[in-house]
């Protein structure tokens, strides 16, 4: 599946669904972002069951601010509407694949339980 451009208009709809959404926060002027883009694109082709979204932090400054994105590229993983991973820096292909495996193996009931406990 090709990557999906996310904006303030479609962000909540895309990231609020069940399943896995990977996000790449990037900008056109960012060298590491440009080097990471083909790795991200290849991974999106290997995993059609996952939504791969891209957020242009220049065009979507509101989204960058909402998630305190201070360094790009930043990769974020959302599963069933819950942010389960966020880290700045371009990942090598093997690390991106490893991240996908880990997110797929999460017990989301356990994640929600721990989040609920953490809020008290």
PDB file of N, CA and C in Angstrom:
ATOM      1  N   UNK A   1       0.848  -1.185   0.000  1.00  0.00           N
ATOM      2  CA  UNK A   1       0.000   0.000   0.000  1.00  0.00           C
ATOM      3  C   UNK A   1       0.888   1.241   0.000  1.00  0.00           C
ATOM      4  N   UNK A   2       0.566   2.185  -0.811  1.00  0.00           N
ATOM      5  CA  UNK A   2       1.319   3.434  -0.843  1.00  0.00           C
ATOM      6  C   UNK A   2       1.053   4.216   0.435  1.00  0.00           C
ATOM      7  N   UNK A   3       1.941   5.143   0.725  1.00  0.00           N
ATOM      8  CA  UNK A   3       1.760   5.950   1.928  1.00  0.00           C
ATOM      9  C   UNK A   3       0.618   6.948   1.731  1.00  0.00           C
ATOM     10  N   UNK A   4       0.021   7.349   2.854  1.00  0.00           N
ATOM     11  CA  UNK A   4      -1.111   8.263   2.866  1.00  0.00           C
ATOM     12  C   UNK A   4      -0.631   9.588   3.458  1.00  0.00           C
ATOM     13  N   UNK A   5      -0.928  10.683   2.774  1.00  0.00           N
ATOM     14  CA  UNK A   5      -0.575  12.008   3.298  1.00  0.00           C
ATOM     15  C   UNK A   5      -1.606  12.391   4.356  1.00  0.00           C
ATOM     16  N   UNK A   6      -1.129  12.654   5.577  1.00  0.00           N
ATOM     17  CA  UNK A   6      -2.042  13.014   6.655  1.00  0.00           C
ATOM     18  C   UNK A   6      -2.034  14.517   6.894  1.00  0.00           C
ATOM     19  N   UNK A   7      -3.226  15.038   7.132  1.00  0.00           N
ATOM     20  CA  UNK A   7      -3.416  16.460   7.407  1.00  0.00           C
ATOM     21  C   UNK A   7      -4.288  16.583   8.649  1.00  0.00           C
ATOM     22  N   UNK A   8      -4.470  17.806   9.118  1.00  0.00           N
ATOM     23  CA  UNK A   8      -5.369  18.004  10.264  1.00  0.00           C
ATOM     24  C   UNK A   8      -6.782  17.535   9.915  1.00  0.00           C
ATOM     25  N   UNK A   9      -7.138  17.577   8.638  1.00  0.00           N
ATOM     26  CA  UNK A   9      -8.488  17.195   8.217  1.00  0.00           C
ATOM     27  C   UNK A   9      -8.744  15.687   8.318  1.00  0.00           C
ATOM     28  N   UNK A  10      -7.746  14.853   8.021  1.00  0.00           N
ATOM     29  CA  UNK A  10      -7.980  13.401   8.008  1.00  0.00           C
ATOM     30  C   UNK A  10      -7.226  12.651   9.115  1.00  0.00           C
ATOM     31  N   UNK A  11      -6.448  13.344   9.924  1.00  0.00           N
ATOM     32  CA  UNK A  11      -5.580  12.687  10.901  1.00  0.00           C
ATOM     33  C   UNK A  11      -6.357  11.812  11.884  1.00  0.00           C
ATOM     34  N   UNK A  12      -7.357  12.377  12.551  1.00  0.00           N
ATOM     35  CA  UNK A  12      -8.094  11.630  13.579  1.00  0.00           C
ATOM     36  C   UNK A  12      -8.839  10.444  12.979  1.00  0.00           C
ATOM     37  N   UNK A  13      -9.378  10.631  11.787  1.00  0.00           N
ATOM     38  CA  UNK A  13     -10.105   9.539  11.127  1.00  0.00           C
ATOM     39  C   UNK A  13      -9.156   8.369  10.823  1.00  0.00           C
ATOM     40  N   UNK A  14      -7.991   8.672  10.290  1.00  0.00           N
ATOM     41  CA  UNK A  14      -7.044   7.623   9.906  1.00  0.00           C
ATOM     42  C   UNK A  14      -6.425   6.955  11.139  1.00  0.00           C
ATOM     43  N   UNK A  15      -6.016   7.739  12.129  1.00  0.00           N
ATOM     44  CA  UNK A  15      -5.303   7.167  13.278  1.00  0.00           C
ATOM     45  C   UNK A  15      -6.234   6.597  14.341  1.00  0.00           C
ATOM     46  N   UNK A  16      -7.523   6.892  14.268  1.00  0.00           N
ATOM     47  CA  UNK A  16      -8.458   6.411  15.277  1.00  0.00           C
ATOM     48  C   UNK A  16      -9.036   5.038  14.989  1.00  0.00           C
ATOM     49  N   UNK A  17      -8.732   4.487  13.831  1.00  0.00           N
ATOM     50  CA  UNK A  17      -9.282   3.174  13.466  1.00  0.00           C
ATOM     51  C   UNK A  17      -8.562   2.048  14.189  1.00  0.00           C
ATOM     52  N   UNK A  18      -9.198   0.873  14.184  1.00  0.00           N
ATOM     53  CA  UNK A  18      -8.520  -0.316  14.686  1.00  0.00           C
ATOM     54  C   UNK A  18      -7.411  -0.688  13.713  1.00  0.00           C
ATOM     55  N   UNK A  19      -6.383  -1.325  14.250  1.00  0.00           N
ATOM     56  CA  UNK A  19      -5.264  -1.727  13.407  1.00  0.00           C
ATOM     57  C   UNK A  19      -4.061  -0.832  13.672  1.00  0.00           C
ATOM     58  N   UNK A  20      -3.042  -1.009  12.846  1.00  0.00           N
ATOM     59  CA  UNK A  20      -1.770  -0.311  13.034  1.00  0.00           C
ATOM     60  C   UNK A  20      -1.638   0.815  12.013  1.00  0.00           C
ATOM     61  N   UNK A  21      -1.227   1.963  12.523  1.00  0.00           N
ATOM     62  CA  UNK A  21      -0.900   3.106  11.672  1.00  0.00           C
ATOM     63  C   UNK A  21       0.522   3.528  12.033  1.00  0.00           C
ATOM     64  N   UNK A  22       1.403   3.556  11.044  1.00  0.00           N
ATOM     65  CA  UNK A  22       2.752   4.072  11.249  1.00  0.00           C
ATOM     66  C   UNK A  22       2.799   5.468  10.653  1.00  0.00           C
ATOM     67  N   UNK A  23       3.441   6.383  11.359  1.00  0.00           N
ATOM     68  CA  UNK A  23       3.546   7.754  10.887  1.00  0.00           C
ATOM     69  C   UNK A  23       5.003   8.152  10.731  1.00  0.00           C
ATOM     70  N   UNK A  24       5.252   8.894   9.677  1.00  0.00           N
ATOM     71  CA  UNK A  24       6.565   9.488   9.427  1.00  0.00           C
ATOM     72  C   UNK A  24       6.360  10.994   9.407  1.00  0.00           C
ATOM     73  N   UNK A  25       6.841  11.680  10.454  1.00  0.00           N
ATOM     74  CA  UNK A  25       6.817  13.137  10.480  1.00  0.00           C
ATOM     75  C   UNK A  25       8.089  13.601   9.774  1.00  0.00           C
ATOM     76  N   UNK A  26       7.948  14.408   8.724  1.00  0.00           N
ATOM     77  CA  UNK A  26       9.076  14.759   7.868  1.00  0.00           C
ATOM     78  C   UNK A  26       8.917  16.187   7.341  1.00  0.00           C
ATOM     79  N   UNK A  27       9.935  16.659   6.628  1.00  0.00           N
ATOM     80  CA  UNK A  27       9.860  17.934   5.909  1.00  0.00           C
ATOM     81  C   UNK A  27      10.741  17.829   4.671  1.00  0.00           C
ATOM     82  N   UNK A  28      10.381  18.597   3.666  1.00  0.00           N
ATOM     83  CA  UNK A  28      11.068  18.548   2.380  1.00  0.00           C
ATOM     84  C   UNK A  28      12.536  18.952   2.474  1.00  0.00           C
ATOM     85  N   UNK A  29      12.868  19.847   3.394  1.00  0.00           N
ATOM     86  CA  UNK A  29      14.232  20.351   3.522  1.00  0.00           C
ATOM     87  C   UNK A  29      15.138  19.436   4.344  1.00  0.00           C
ATOM     88  N   UNK A  30      14.574  18.365   4.899  1.00  0.00           N
ATOM     89  CA  UNK A  30      15.293  17.495   5.844  1.00  0.00           C
ATOM     90  C   UNK A  30      16.012  16.354   5.113  1.00  0.00           C
ATOM     91  N   UNK A  31      17.342  16.390   5.117  1.00  0.00           N
ATOM     92  CA  UNK A  31      18.140  15.355   4.446  1.00  0.00           C
ATOM     93  C   UNK A  31      17.883  13.953   4.977  1.00  0.00           C
ATOM     94  N   UNK A  32      17.948  13.743   6.309  1.00  0.00           N
ATOM     95  CA  UNK A  32      17.666  12.406   6.849  1.00  0.00           C
ATOM     96  C   UNK A  32      16.261  11.908   6.486  1.00  0.00           C
ATOM     97  N   UNK A  33      15.298  12.841   6.405  1.00  0.00           N
ATOM     98  CA  UNK A  33      13.926  12.472   6.022  1.00  0.00           C
ATOM     99  C   UNK A  33      13.913  11.920   4.600  1.00  0.00           C
ATOM    100  N   UNK A  34      14.641  12.571   3.715  1.00  0.00           N
ATOM    101  CA  UNK A  34      14.678  12.139   2.311  1.00  0.00           C
ATOM    102  C   UNK A  34      15.358  10.774   2.185  1.00  0.00           C
ATOM    103  N   UNK A  35      16.374  10.536   3.011  1.00  0.00           N
ATOM    104  CA  UNK A  35      17.054   9.233   2.971  1.00  0.00           C
ATOM    105  C   UNK A  35      16.176   8.128   3.564  1.00  0.00           C
ATOM    106  N   UNK A  36      15.345   8.477   4.542  1.00  0.00           N
ATOM    107  CA  UNK A  36      14.471   7.497   5.185  1.00  0.00           C
ATOM    108  C   UNK A  36      13.256   7.159   4.314  1.00  0.00           C
ATOM    109  N   UNK A  37      12.821   8.083   3.471  1.00  0.00           N
ATOM    110  CA  UNK A  37      11.598   7.912   2.674  1.00  0.00           C
ATOM    111  C   UNK A  37      11.557   6.607   1.878  1.00  0.00           C
ATOM    112  N   UNK A  38      12.619   6.212   1.148  1.00  0.00           N
ATOM    113  CA  UNK A  38      12.536   4.952   0.395  1.00  0.00           C
ATOM    114  C   UNK A  38      12.426   3.720   1.301  1.00  0.00           C
ATOM    115  N   UNK A  39      13.062   3.757   2.468  1.00  0.00           N
ATOM    116  CA  UNK A  39      12.976   2.658   3.441  1.00  0.00           C
ATOM    117  C   UNK A  39      11.526   2.520   3.901  1.00  0.00           C
ATOM    118  N   UNK A  40      10.916   3.646   4.223  1.00  0.00           N
ATOM    119  CA  UNK A  40       9.524   3.687   4.691  1.00  0.00           C
ATOM    120  C   UNK A  40       8.584   3.192   3.591  1.00  0.00           C
ATOM    121  N   UNK A  41       8.834   3.615   2.363  1.00  0.00           N
ATOM    122  CA  UNK A  41       8.002   3.223   1.218  1.00  0.00           C
ATOM    123  C   UNK A  41       8.100   1.712   0.970  1.00  0.00           C
ATOM    124  N   UNK A  42       9.309   1.169   1.025  1.00  0.00           N
ATOM    125  CA  UNK A  42       9.487  -0.287   0.831  1.00  0.00           C
ATOM    126  C   UNK A  42       8.738  -1.061   1.900  1.00  0.00           C
ATOM    127  N   UNK A  43       8.816  -0.585   3.120  1.00  0.00           N
ATOM    128  CA  UNK A  43       8.124  -1.258   4.221  1.00  0.00           C
ATOM    129  C   UNK A  43       6.613  -1.206   4.008  1.00  0.00           C
ATOM    130  N   UNK A  44       6.112  -0.089   3.482  1.00  0.00           N
ATOM    131  CA  UNK A  44       4.665   0.027   3.244  1.00  0.00           C
ATOM    132  C   UNK A  44       4.209  -0.984   2.200  1.00  0.00           C
ATOM    133  N   UNK A  45       5.082  -1.301   1.251  1.00  0.00           N
ATOM    134  CA  UNK A  45       4.732  -2.279   0.228  1.00  0.00           C
ATOM    135  C   UNK A  45       4.734  -3.705   0.788  1.00  0.00           C
ATOM    136  N   UNK A  46       5.563  -3.953   1.799  1.00  0.00           N
ATOM    137  CA  UNK A  46       5.635  -5.286   2.424  1.00  0.00           C
ATOM    138  C   UNK A  46       4.464  -5.551   3.371  1.00  0.00           C
ATOM    139  N   UNK A  47       3.832  -4.488   3.858  1.00  0.00           N
ATOM    140  CA  UNK A  47       2.799  -4.618   4.902  1.00  0.00           C
ATOM    141  C   UNK A  47       1.509  -3.917   4.486  1.00  0.00           C
ATOM    142  N   UNK A  48       0.766  -4.498   3.548  1.00  0.00           N
ATOM    143  CA  UNK A  48      -0.461  -3.845   3.081  1.00  0.00           C
ATOM    144  C   UNK A  48      -1.545  -3.750   4.161  1.00  0.00           C
ATOM    145  N   UNK A  49      -1.413  -4.523   5.236  1.00  0.00           N
ATOM    146  CA  UNK A  49      -2.402  -4.502   6.316  1.00  0.00           C
ATOM    147  C   UNK A  49      -2.212  -3.298   7.255  1.00  0.00           C
ATOM    148  N   UNK A  50      -1.103  -2.577   7.087  1.00  0.00           N
ATOM    149  CA  UNK A  50      -0.777  -1.433   7.947  1.00  0.00           C
ATOM    150  C   UNK A  50      -0.951  -0.147   7.143  1.00  0.00           C
ATOM    151  N   UNK A  51      -1.484   0.879   7.783  1.00  0.00           N
ATOM    152  CA  UNK A  51      -1.573   2.195   7.144  1.00  0.00           C
ATOM    153  C   UNK A  51      -0.251   2.921   7.421  1.00  0.00           C
ATOM    154  N   UNK A  52       0.412   3.332   6.364  1.00  0.00           N
ATOM    155  CA  UNK A  52       1.645   4.111   6.479  1.00  0.00           C
ATOM    156  C   UNK A  52       1.315   5.559   6.124  1.00  0.00           C
ATOM    157  N   UNK A  53       1.378   6.433   7.122  1.00  0.00           N
ATOM    158  CA  UNK A  53       1.050   7.831   6.898  1.00  0.00           C
ATOM    159  C   UNK A  53       2.276   8.710   6.961  1.00  0.00           C
ATOM    160  N   UNK A  54       2.224   9.803   6.214  1.00  0.00           N
ATOM    161  CA  UNK A  54       3.293  10.792   6.245  1.00  0.00           C
ATOM    162  C   UNK A  54       2.692  12.133   6.635  1.00  0.00           C
ATOM    163  N   UNK A  55       3.367  12.817   7.563  1.00  0.00           N
ATOM    164  CA  UNK A  55       2.928  14.134   8.005  1.00  0.00           C
ATOM    165  C   UNK A  55       4.027  15.130   7.659  1.00  0.00           C
ATOM    166  N   UNK A  56       3.737  16.018   6.727  1.00  0.00           N
ATOM    167  CA  UNK A  56       4.668  17.077   6.349  1.00  0.00           C
ATOM    168  C   UNK A  56       4.603  18.146   7.442  1.00  0.00           C
ATOM    169  N   UNK A  57       5.657  18.227   8.253  1.00  0.00           N
ATOM    170  CA  UNK A  57       5.624  19.125   9.409  1.00  0.00           C
ATOM    171  C   UNK A  57       5.636  20.598   9.008  1.00  0.00           C
ATOM    172  N   UNK A  58       6.029  20.903   7.787  1.00  0.00           N
ATOM    173  CA  UNK A  58       5.959  22.294   7.308  1.00  0.00           C
ATOM    174  C   UNK A  58       4.514  22.663   6.988  1.00  0.00           C
ATOM    175  N   UNK A  59       3.828  21.791   6.257  1.00  0.00           N
ATOM    176  CA  UNK A  59       2.447  22.062   5.850  1.00  0.00           C
ATOM    177  C   UNK A  59       1.460  21.821   6.989  1.00  0.00           C
ATOM    178  N   UNK A  60       1.809  20.938   7.913  1.00  0.00           N
ATOM    179  CA  UNK A  60       0.906  20.548   9.009  1.00  0.00           C
ATOM    180  C   UNK A  60       1.537  20.887  10.361  1.00  0.00           C
ATOM    181  N   UNK A  61       1.872  22.155  10.542  1.00  0.00           N
ATOM    182  CA  UNK A  61       2.557  22.577  11.770  1.00  0.00           C
ATOM    183  C   UNK A  61       1.726  22.310  13.015  1.00  0.00           C
ATOM    184  N   UNK A  62       0.411  22.360  12.879  1.00  0.00           N
ATOM    185  CA  UNK A  62      -0.479  22.101  14.013  1.00  0.00           C
ATOM    186  C   UNK A  62      -0.290  20.663  14.529  1.00  0.00           C
ATOM    187  N   UNK A  63      -0.158  19.698  13.604  1.00  0.00           N
ATOM    188  CA  UNK A  63       0.046  18.300  14.019  1.00  0.00           C
ATOM    189  C   UNK A  63       1.416  18.118  14.650  1.00  0.00           C
ATOM    190  N   UNK A  64       2.423  18.751  14.089  1.00  0.00           N
ATOM    191  CA  UNK A  64       3.758  18.681  14.688  1.00  0.00           C
ATOM    192  C   UNK A  64       3.749  19.213  16.109  1.00  0.00           C
ATOM    193  N   UNK A  65       3.050  20.323  16.319  1.00  0.00           N
ATOM    194  CA  UNK A  65       2.966  20.920  17.658  1.00  0.00           C
ATOM    195  C   UNK A  65       2.167  20.031  18.606  1.00  0.00           C
ATOM    196  N   UNK A  66       1.066  19.460  18.113  1.00  0.00           N
ATOM    197  CA  UNK A  66       0.200  18.613  18.946  1.00  0.00           C
ATOM    198  C   UNK A  66       0.988  17.452  19.565  1.00  0.00           C
ATOM    199  N   UNK A  67       1.942  16.903  18.787  1.00  0.00           N
ATOM    200  CA  UNK A  67       2.709  15.746  19.266  1.00  0.00           C
ATOM    201  C   UNK A  67       4.128  16.120  19.694  1.00  0.00           C
ATOM    202  N   UNK A  68       4.373  17.418  19.876  1.00  0.00           N
ATOM    203  CA  UNK A  68       5.684  17.907  20.322  1.00  0.00           C
ATOM    204  C   UNK A  68       6.831  17.371  19.460  1.00  0.00           C
ATOM    205  N   UNK A  69       6.637  17.390  18.156  1.00  0.00           N
ATOM    206  CA  UNK A  69       7.685  16.924  17.251  1.00  0.00           C
ATOM    207  C   UNK A  69       8.750  18.016  17.175  1.00  0.00           C
ATOM    208  N   UNK A  70       9.925  17.717  17.719  1.00  0.00           N
ATOM    209  CA  UNK A  70      10.994  18.715  17.727  1.00  0.00           C
ATOM    210  C   UNK A  70      12.168  18.288  16.858  1.00  0.00           C
ATOM    211  N   UNK A  71      12.157  17.050  16.411  1.00  0.00           N
ATOM    212  CA  UNK A  71      13.243  16.525  15.589  1.00  0.00           C
ATOM    213  C   UNK A  71      12.626  15.625  14.526  1.00  0.00           C
ATOM    214  N   UNK A  72      13.086  15.780  13.294  1.00  0.00           N
ATOM    215  CA  UNK A  72      12.555  14.946  12.215  1.00  0.00           C
ATOM    216  C   UNK A  72      13.698  14.260  11.493  1.00  0.00           C
ATOM    217  N   UNK A  73      13.449  13.097  10.921  1.00  0.00           N
ATOM    218  CA  UNK A  73      12.160  12.413  10.943  1.00  0.00           C
ATOM    219  C   UNK A  73      11.843  11.855  12.334  1.00  0.00           C
ATOM    220  N   UNK A  74      10.559  11.781  12.631  1.00  0.00           N
ATOM    221  CA  UNK A  74      10.084  11.086  13.821  1.00  0.00           C
ATOM    222  C   UNK A  74       9.123  10.004  13.345  1.00  0.00           C
ATOM    223  N   UNK A  75       9.335   8.797  13.853  1.00  0.00           N
ATOM    224  CA  UNK A  75       8.450   7.681  13.532  1.00  0.00           C
ATOM    225  C   UNK A  75       7.540   7.453  14.731  1.00  0.00           C
ATOM    226  N   UNK A  76       6.241   7.329  14.447  1.00  0.00           N
ATOM    227  CA  UNK A  76       5.260   7.078  15.495  1.00  0.00           C
ATOM    228  C   UNK A  76       4.420   5.870  15.081  1.00  0.00           C
ATOM    229  N   UNK A  77       4.136   4.997  16.042  1.00  0.00           N
ATOM    230  CA  UNK A  77       3.272   3.847  15.784  1.00  0.00           C
ATOM    231  C   UNK A  77       2.022   3.986  16.642  1.00  0.00           C
ATOM    232  N   UNK A  78       0.876   3.810  15.997  1.00  0.00           N
ATOM    233  CA  UNK A  78      -0.420   3.872  16.681  1.00  0.00           C
ATOM    234  C   UNK A  78      -1.129   2.556  16.414  1.00  0.00           C
ATOM    235  N   UNK A  79      -1.621   1.940  17.473  1.00  0.00           N
ATOM    236  CA  UNK A  79      -2.377   0.702  17.293  1.00  0.00           C
ATOM    237  C   UNK A  79      -3.717   0.861  17.998  1.00  0.00           C
ATOM    238  N   UNK A  80      -4.779   0.598  17.274  1.00  0.00           N
ATOM    239  CA  UNK A  80      -6.139   0.715  17.808  1.00  0.00           C
ATOM    240  C   UNK A  80      -6.360   2.072  18.472  1.00  0.00           C
ATOM    241  N   UNK A  81      -5.817   3.125  17.854  1.00  0.00           N
ATOM    242  CA  UNK A  81      -6.023   4.479  18.347  1.00  0.00           C
ATOM    243  C   UNK A  81      -5.114   4.893  19.494  1.00  0.00           C
ATOM    244  N   UNK A  82      -4.169   4.034  19.907  1.00  0.00           N
ATOM    245  CA  UNK A  82      -3.282   4.317  21.033  1.00  0.00           C
ATOM    246  C   UNK A  82      -1.849   4.468  20.515  1.00  0.00           C
ATOM    247  N   UNK A  83      -1.187   5.579  20.870  1.00  0.00           N
ATOM    248  CA  UNK A  83       0.224   5.748  20.486  1.00  0.00           C
ATOM    249  C   UNK A  83       1.051   4.776  21.322  1.00  0.00           C
ATOM    250  N   UNK A  84       1.737   3.870  20.646  1.00  0.00           N
ATOM    251  CA  UNK A  84       2.521   2.857  21.358  1.00  0.00           C
ATOM    252  C   UNK A  84       4.027   3.036  21.157  1.00  0.00           C
ATOM    253  N   UNK A  85       4.414   3.958  20.260  1.00  0.00           N
ATOM    254  CA  UNK A  85       5.831   4.201  20.002  1.00  0.00           C
ATOM    255  C   UNK A  85       5.980   5.552  19.333  1.00  0.00           C
ATOM    256  N   UNK A  86       6.981   6.303  19.742  1.00  0.00           N
ATOM    257  CA  UNK A  86       7.336   7.551  19.054  1.00  0.00           C
ATOM    258  C   UNK A  86       8.805   7.825  19.335  1.00  0.00           C
ATOM    259  N   UNK A  87       9.564   8.002  18.263  1.00  0.00           N
ATOM    260  CA  UNK A  87      10.994   8.225  18.433  1.00  0.00           C
ATOM    261  C   UNK A  87      11.543   9.002  17.245  1.00  0.00           C
ATOM    262  N   UNK A  88      12.326  10.054  17.523  1.00  0.00           N
ATOM    263  CA  UNK A  88      12.952  10.765  16.416  1.00  0.00           C
ATOM    264  C   UNK A  88      14.116   9.959  15.843  1.00  0.00           C
ATOM    265  N   UNK A  89      14.407  10.216  14.588  1.00  0.00           N
ATOM    266  CA  UNK A  89      15.544   9.576  13.930  1.00  0.00           C
ATOM    267  C   UNK A  89      15.097   8.611  12.852  1.00  0.00           C
ATOM    268  N   UNK A  90      15.863   8.595  11.774  1.00  0.00           N
ATOM    269  CA  UNK A  90      15.583   7.671  10.674  1.00  0.00           C
ATOM    270  C   UNK A  90      15.991   6.264  11.110  1.00  0.00           C
ATOM    271  N   UNK A  91      15.093   5.315  10.943  1.00  0.00           N
ATOM    272  CA  UNK A  91      15.390   3.931  11.324  1.00  0.00           C
ATOM    273  C   UNK A  91      15.943   3.179  10.128  1.00  0.00           C
ATOM    274  N   UNK A  92      16.956   2.322  10.359  1.00  0.00           N
ATOM    275  CA  UNK A  92      17.362   1.421   9.292  1.00  0.00           C
ATOM    276  C   UNK A  92      16.214   0.451   9.005  1.00  0.00           C
ATOM    277  N   UNK A  93      16.209  -0.127   7.824  1.00  0.00           N
ATOM    278  CA  UNK A  93      15.099  -0.994   7.422  1.00  0.00           C
ATOM    279  C   UNK A  93      14.863  -2.125   8.422  1.00  0.00           C
ATOM    280  N   UNK A  94      15.933  -2.730   8.923  1.00  0.00           N
ATOM    281  CA  UNK A  94      15.783  -3.845   9.872  1.00  0.00           C
ATOM    282  C   UNK A  94      15.117  -3.378  11.170  1.00  0.00           C
ATOM    283  N   UNK A  95      15.455  -2.178  11.626  1.00  0.00           N
ATOM    284  CA  UNK A  95      14.859  -1.654  12.856  1.00  0.00           C
ATOM    285  C   UNK A  95      13.381  -1.320  12.641  1.00  0.00           C
ATOM    286  N   UNK A  96      13.040  -0.810  11.461  1.00  0.00           N
ATOM    287  CA  UNK A  96      11.639  -0.509  11.156  1.00  0.00           C
ATOM    288  C   UNK A  96      10.823  -1.803  11.118  1.00  0.00           C
ATOM    289  N   UNK A  97      11.376  -2.837  10.508  1.00  0.00           N
ATOM    290  CA  UNK A  97      10.686  -4.133  10.462  1.00  0.00           C
ATOM    291  C   UNK A  97      10.529  -4.711  11.870  1.00  0.00           C
ATOM    292  N   UNK A  98      11.551  -4.548  12.698  1.00  0.00           N
ATOM    293  CA  UNK A  98      11.502  -5.025  14.082  1.00  0.00           C
ATOM    294  C   UNK A  98      10.417  -4.272  14.861  1.00  0.00           C
ATOM    295  N   UNK A  99      10.332  -2.970  14.653  1.00  0.00           N
ATOM    296  CA  UNK A  99       9.295  -2.161  15.307  1.00  0.00           C
ATOM    297  C   UNK A  99       7.909  -2.667  14.907  1.00  0.00           C
ATOM    298  N   UNK A 100       7.707  -2.916  13.617  1.00  0.00           N
ATOM    299  CA  UNK A 100       6.412  -3.405  13.136  1.00  0.00           C
ATOM    300  C   UNK A 100       6.059  -4.726  13.816  1.00  0.00           C
ATOM    301  N   UNK A 101       7.032  -5.640  13.898  1.00  0.00           N
ATOM    302  CA  UNK A 101       6.793  -6.931  14.574  1.00  0.00           C
ATOM    303  C   UNK A 101       6.366  -6.718  16.022  1.00  0.00           C
ATOM    304  N   UNK A 102       7.072  -5.837  16.721  1.00  0.00           N
ATOM    305  CA  UNK A 102       6.758  -5.593  18.131  1.00  0.00           C
ATOM    306  C   UNK A 102       5.363  -5.012  18.301  1.00  0.00           C
ATOM    307  N   UNK A 103       4.987  -4.079  17.436  1.00  0.00           N
ATOM    308  CA  UNK A 103       3.656  -3.465  17.526  1.00  0.00           C
ATOM    309  C   UNK A 103       2.580  -4.514  17.219  1.00  0.00           C
ATOM    310  N   UNK A 104       2.857  -5.383  16.248  1.00  0.00           N
ATOM    311  CA  UNK A 104       1.893  -6.434  15.905  1.00  0.00           C
ATOM    312  C   UNK A 104       1.686  -7.401  17.066  1.00  0.00           C
ATOM    313  N   UNK A 105       2.712  -7.615  17.879  1.00  0.00           N
ATOM    314  CA  UNK A 105       2.640  -8.598  18.958  1.00  0.00           C
ATOM    315  C   UNK A 105       2.094  -8.030  20.266  1.00  0.00           C
ATOM    316  N   UNK A 106       1.853  -6.736  20.319  1.00  0.00           N
ATOM    317  CA  UNK A 106       1.346  -6.133  21.554  1.00  0.00           C
ATOM    318  C   UNK A 106      -0.008  -6.715  21.944  1.00  0.00           C
ATOM    319  N   UNK A 107      -0.187  -6.909  23.242  1.00  0.00           N
ATOM    320  CA  UNK A 107      -1.489  -7.272  23.796  1.00  0.00           C
ATOM    321  C   UNK A 107      -2.173  -5.952  24.146  1.00  0.00           C
ATOM    322  N   UNK A 108      -3.086  -5.500  23.291  1.00  0.00           N
ATOM    323  CA  UNK A 108      -3.672  -4.176  23.460  1.00  0.00           C
ATOM    324  C   UNK A 108      -4.545  -4.072  24.715  1.00  0.00           C
ATOM    325  N   UNK A 109      -5.135  -5.178  25.162  1.00  0.00           N
ATOM    326  CA  UNK A 109      -5.890  -5.136  26.422  1.00  0.00           C
ATOM    327  C   UNK A 109      -4.945  -4.795  27.570  1.00  0.00           C
ATOM    328  N   UNK A 110      -3.747  -5.396  27.538  1.00  0.00           N
ATOM    329  CA  UNK A 110      -2.739  -5.132  28.557  1.00  0.00           C
ATOM    330  C   UNK A 110      -2.248  -3.678  28.464  1.00  0.00           C
ATOM    331  N   UNK A 111      -2.041  -3.195  27.246  1.00  0.00           N
ATOM    332  CA  UNK A 111      -1.598  -1.811  27.048  1.00  0.00           C
ATOM    333  C   UNK A 111      -2.631  -0.840  27.619  1.00  0.00           C
ATOM    334  N   UNK A 112      -3.913  -1.056  27.308  1.00  0.00           N
ATOM    335  CA  UNK A 112      -4.975  -0.175  27.816  1.00  0.00           C
ATOM    336  C   UNK A 112      -5.057  -0.227  29.338  1.00  0.00           C
ATOM    337  N   UNK A 113      -4.898  -1.408  29.898  1.00  0.00           N
ATOM    338  CA  UNK A 113      -4.926  -1.586  31.362  1.00  0.00           C
ATOM    339  C   UNK A 113      -3.790  -0.771  32.008  1.00  0.00           C
ATOM    340  N   UNK A 114      -2.594  -0.887  31.436  1.00  0.00           N
ATOM    341  CA  UNK A 114      -1.444  -0.150  31.992  1.00  0.00           C
ATOM    342  C   UNK A 114      -1.627   1.353  31.848  1.00  0.00           C
ATOM    343  N   UNK A 115      -2.208   1.790  30.729  1.00  0.00           N
ATOM    344  CA  UNK A 115      -2.493   3.210  30.547  1.00  0.00           C
ATOM    345  C   UNK A 115      -3.484   3.711  31.576  1.00  0.00           C
ATOM    346  N   UNK A 116      -4.515   2.936  31.843  1.00  0.00           N
ATOM    347  CA  UNK A 116      -5.532   3.307  32.826  1.00  0.00           C
ATOM    348  C   UNK A 116      -4.912   3.404  34.219  1.00  0.00           C
ATOM    349  N   UNK A 117      -4.030   2.451  34.549  1.00  0.00           N
ATOM    350  CA  UNK A 117      -3.371   2.477  35.863  1.00  0.00           C
ATOM    351  C   UNK A 117      -2.461   3.689  35.978  1.00  0.00           C
ATOM    352  N   UNK A 118      -1.812   4.036  34.893  1.00  0.00           N
ATOM    353  CA  UNK A 118      -0.859   5.152  34.878  1.00  0.00           C
ATOM    354  C   UNK A 118      -1.560   6.485  35.076  1.00  0.00           C
ATOM    355  N   UNK A 119      -2.813   6.585  34.651  1.00  0.00           N
ATOM    356  CA  UNK A 119      -3.561   7.842  34.759  1.00  0.00           C
ATOM    357  C   UNK A 119      -4.051   8.118  36.166  1.00  0.00           C
ATOM    358  N   UNK A 120      -4.022   7.108  37.038  1.00  0.00           N
ATOM    359  CA  UNK A 120      -4.544   7.302  38.409  1.00  0.00           C
ATOM    360  C   UNK A 120      -3.489   7.761  39.368  1.00  0.00           C
TER     361      UNK A 120
END
